Protein backbone atom coordinates (compact mmCIF):
# COMPACT_ATOMS: atom_id res chain seq x y z
CA MET A 1 -20.04 -17.61 -14.53
CA ALA A 2 -17.32 -15.52 -13.94
CA SER A 3 -14.24 -16.83 -14.64
CA ALA A 4 -11.31 -17.45 -12.27
CA ASN A 5 -9.37 -15.03 -13.43
CA THR A 6 -11.61 -11.92 -13.35
CA LEU A 7 -12.83 -12.87 -10.06
CA CYS A 8 -9.67 -12.85 -8.76
CA LYS A 9 -9.27 -9.09 -10.89
CA LYS A 10 -12.31 -7.98 -9.20
CA LEU A 11 -11.17 -9.22 -6.04
CA LEU A 12 -7.92 -7.87 -5.64
CA ASN A 13 -9.76 -4.42 -7.93
CA VAL A 14 -7.27 -3.61 -10.51
CA LYS A 15 -8.31 -3.98 -13.87
CA THR A 16 -5.41 -3.12 -16.05
CA ALA A 17 -3.80 -6.50 -15.25
CA VAL A 18 -3.98 -10.52 -15.87
CA VAL A 19 -4.14 -12.49 -13.53
CA THR A 20 -1.88 -16.20 -15.13
CA GLY A 21 -2.48 -18.24 -12.40
CA SER A 22 -3.15 -19.05 -8.63
CA ASP A 23 -1.92 -21.61 -5.57
CA PHE A 24 -3.38 -23.18 -3.16
CA TYR A 25 -1.28 -24.03 -0.27
CA THR A 26 -1.26 -23.99 4.32
CA ASP A 27 2.12 -22.70 5.13
CA ALA A 28 3.91 -24.29 8.91
CA ASP A 29 1.31 -23.13 11.72
CA GLY A 30 -1.45 -24.63 9.82
CA VAL A 31 -3.16 -20.51 8.79
CA ASN A 32 -4.03 -21.06 4.31
CA HIS A 33 -2.68 -19.02 1.66
CA ILE A 34 -3.80 -18.26 -1.02
CA ARG A 35 -0.88 -16.97 -4.13
CA ILE A 36 -2.23 -15.12 -7.44
CA LYS A 37 0.49 -14.74 -10.78
CA ALA A 38 -0.60 -11.68 -12.07
CA ARG A 39 1.52 -9.04 -13.95
CA PRO A 40 0.02 -5.35 -15.79
CA ASN A 41 -1.48 -5.46 -19.22
CA LYS A 42 0.71 -5.53 -22.23
CA TRP A 43 -0.30 -2.35 -22.82
CA HIS A 44 0.90 -0.88 -18.44
CA GLU A 45 3.91 -3.71 -18.06
CA ASN A 46 6.62 -0.71 -18.14
CA ASP A 47 4.79 2.47 -16.59
CA CYS A 48 6.59 4.36 -14.07
CA PRO A 49 5.32 4.16 -11.31
CA PHE A 50 5.35 7.81 -9.90
CA CYS A 51 4.32 9.40 -13.45
CA HIS A 52 2.11 7.56 -15.09
CA LYS A 53 3.42 7.39 -18.70
CA PRO A 54 5.24 4.70 -20.16
CA CYS A 55 8.76 3.51 -20.27
CA LYS A 56 12.00 1.76 -21.83
CA HIS A 57 12.52 -1.23 -20.26
CA TYR A 58 16.55 -1.03 -18.58
CA ASP A 59 16.76 -5.09 -17.09
CA SER A 60 15.27 -7.92 -15.38
CA GLN A 61 15.20 -7.00 -11.95
CA SER A 62 15.94 -10.51 -10.24
CA SER A 63 14.52 -14.51 -11.42
CA THR A 64 12.49 -14.38 -8.48
CA PRO A 65 9.10 -12.47 -8.50
CA ARG A 66 8.20 -9.97 -5.58
CA ILE A 67 5.32 -11.06 -3.63
CA TRP A 68 3.14 -8.25 -2.01
CA ARG A 69 0.29 -9.25 0.29
CA GLY A 70 -3.54 -8.44 -0.13
CA LEU A 71 -6.33 -7.99 1.66
CA GLY A 72 -7.91 -11.76 3.84
CA TRP A 73 -10.88 -13.30 2.27
CA GLY A 74 -12.30 -14.54 5.76
CA GLY A 75 -9.14 -16.74 7.32
CA THR A 76 -7.26 -16.86 3.54
CA LEU A 77 -3.83 -14.83 3.78
CA VAL A 78 -3.83 -13.60 0.26
CA GLU A 79 -1.07 -12.97 -1.95
CA VAL A 80 -0.40 -11.39 -4.99
CA GLU A 81 3.50 -12.81 -7.03
CA CYS A 82 4.94 -11.21 -10.08
CA HIS A 83 8.09 -11.18 -12.14
CA THR A 84 9.73 -7.37 -11.15
CA HIS A 85 11.49 -5.34 -13.90
CA ARG A 86 12.93 -2.05 -13.80
CA ILE A 87 12.25 0.58 -16.75
CA GLU A 88 13.59 4.47 -17.08
CA CYS A 89 12.23 6.58 -16.09
CA PRO A 90 12.86 10.45 -18.25
CA VAL A 91 11.69 12.31 -14.79
CA HIS A 92 12.65 9.21 -12.20
CA GLY A 93 15.20 8.11 -13.64
CA VAL A 94 15.66 3.90 -13.22
CA LEU A 95 13.68 2.01 -10.80
CA ALA A 96 10.97 -1.33 -9.98
CA ALA A 97 8.50 -0.96 -13.18
CA ASP A 98 4.23 0.21 -11.99
CA VAL A 99 1.98 -2.18 -10.90
CA PRO A 100 -1.27 -1.90 -10.76
CA TRP A 101 -2.59 -3.10 -7.59
CA ALA A 102 0.08 -1.14 -4.43
CA TYR A 103 1.72 1.44 -4.09
CA PRO A 104 5.37 2.15 -5.29
CA GLY A 105 8.01 0.75 -2.65
CA SER A 106 5.54 -0.98 -0.90
CA GLY A 107 4.19 -4.80 0.35
CA PHE A 108 1.18 -4.50 -0.05
CA THR A 109 -1.36 -4.45 -2.19
CA LYS A 110 -3.54 -1.22 -2.77
CA ASP A 111 -6.61 -2.56 -0.92
CA PHE A 112 -4.52 -3.55 2.08
CA ASP A 113 -2.69 -0.26 2.31
CA LEU A 114 -6.53 2.22 2.26
CA THR A 115 -7.55 0.19 5.11
CA VAL A 116 -4.56 -0.07 6.88
CA GLY A 117 -4.78 3.87 6.54
CA TRP A 118 -8.11 4.91 6.88
CA LEU A 119 -8.73 1.79 10.07
CA ALA A 120 -5.88 4.21 11.99
CA THR A 121 -7.78 6.70 11.51
CA TYR A 122 -10.50 5.39 13.94
CA LEU A 123 -8.56 2.91 15.53
CA PRO A 124 -5.13 3.58 17.59
CA ARG A 125 -1.92 2.36 15.49
CA SER A 126 -0.99 -0.90 18.51
CA VAL A 127 -4.64 -2.25 17.98
CA VAL A 128 -4.59 -1.35 13.50
CA SER A 129 -0.90 -3.75 13.95
CA GLU A 130 -2.41 -6.84 16.11
CA TYR A 131 -5.55 -6.63 13.82
CA MET A 132 -3.75 -6.23 10.38
CA ARG A 133 -1.00 -8.66 11.73
CA ILE A 134 1.47 -6.45 10.86
CA ASP A 135 4.57 -4.40 12.51
CA TRP A 136 3.04 -1.63 15.11
CA GLU A 137 5.41 0.75 12.35
CA THR A 138 4.74 -0.94 9.66
CA VAL A 139 0.80 0.74 10.44
CA GLY A 140 2.31 4.05 9.91
CA ARG A 141 4.78 3.71 6.02
CA CYS A 142 0.92 2.70 5.40
CA VAL A 143 -0.93 5.73 6.47
CA HIS A 144 2.07 8.13 4.67
CA ARG A 145 1.73 5.74 1.28
CA THR A 146 -2.50 6.43 1.25
CA LEU A 147 -1.98 9.87 3.05
CA ASN A 148 -3.12 11.09 -0.84
CA ASP A 149 -6.09 9.25 -0.59
CA ILE A 150 -7.33 9.06 2.58
CA GLU A 151 -7.89 13.18 2.80
CA PRO A 152 -6.09 14.83 -0.94
CA GLU A 153 -7.07 18.45 0.83
CA ARG A 154 -4.85 18.56 3.80
CA SER A 155 -4.14 21.69 3.37
CA ARG A 156 -7.82 22.73 2.79
CA ARG A 157 -8.11 21.41 6.72
CA LEU A 158 -7.86 24.91 8.77
CA ASP A 159 -10.00 26.75 5.68
CA GLY A 160 -12.34 29.12 8.31
CA LEU A 161 -10.45 28.32 11.43
CA VAL A 162 -11.05 31.21 13.66
CA ASN A 163 -10.04 30.65 16.80
CA ILE A 164 -7.26 28.24 18.72
CA GLY A 165 -7.93 27.32 22.27
CA ILE A 166 -5.27 27.22 25.04
CA ASP A 167 -4.40 25.05 28.09
CA GLU A 168 -2.86 28.55 30.18
CA THR A 169 -2.34 25.43 32.07
CA SER A 170 -0.45 23.54 29.17
CA TYR A 171 1.24 25.93 27.86
CA ARG A 172 2.99 27.29 31.45
CA LYS A 173 4.91 23.64 31.99
CA VAL A 174 6.02 24.02 28.99
CA PHE A 175 7.49 26.95 28.54
CA LEU A 176 8.89 27.01 32.35
CA SER A 177 10.63 23.51 31.91
CA SER A 178 12.32 24.95 28.14
CA THR A 179 13.39 28.00 30.40
CA PHE A 180 15.02 26.54 33.57
CA PRO A 181 17.00 22.76 32.42
């Protein structure tokens, strides 16, 4: 039987993290939450979020922990809590240390961002925002963060393109409206 630590790491899809605890609670609206308390393991606690190289510790950001929202488990909202600190990268300067479960600057786990990005390729943004319970504009930020993971070779998208069709009716409308104010 797997331990709670192993189960949480597998469900969060992270290997380089240490789960230190978890809490279940229900908010004022009656929604169940699980808050997983985690931290990067000691070999990755001072990594730069962009180049992933170990850097020197700069300072502690605050005494309050950061919280990332993860993919829900059934009707339960998942949150990951971690006390963060800043590091000094020789290339990128002073910034928050990398956490293995989230993209830099994101308030969501990588799996959450990737799910939103994947859904956005097939559904309208308004549907994705309602389904994932996030703001309409947040969908765009999630897509922007996951763009390289969803389609790493975007520059090859038009390789082999021979012809482009243009609708002359629409072209004429655009051309006439732009020439005559």
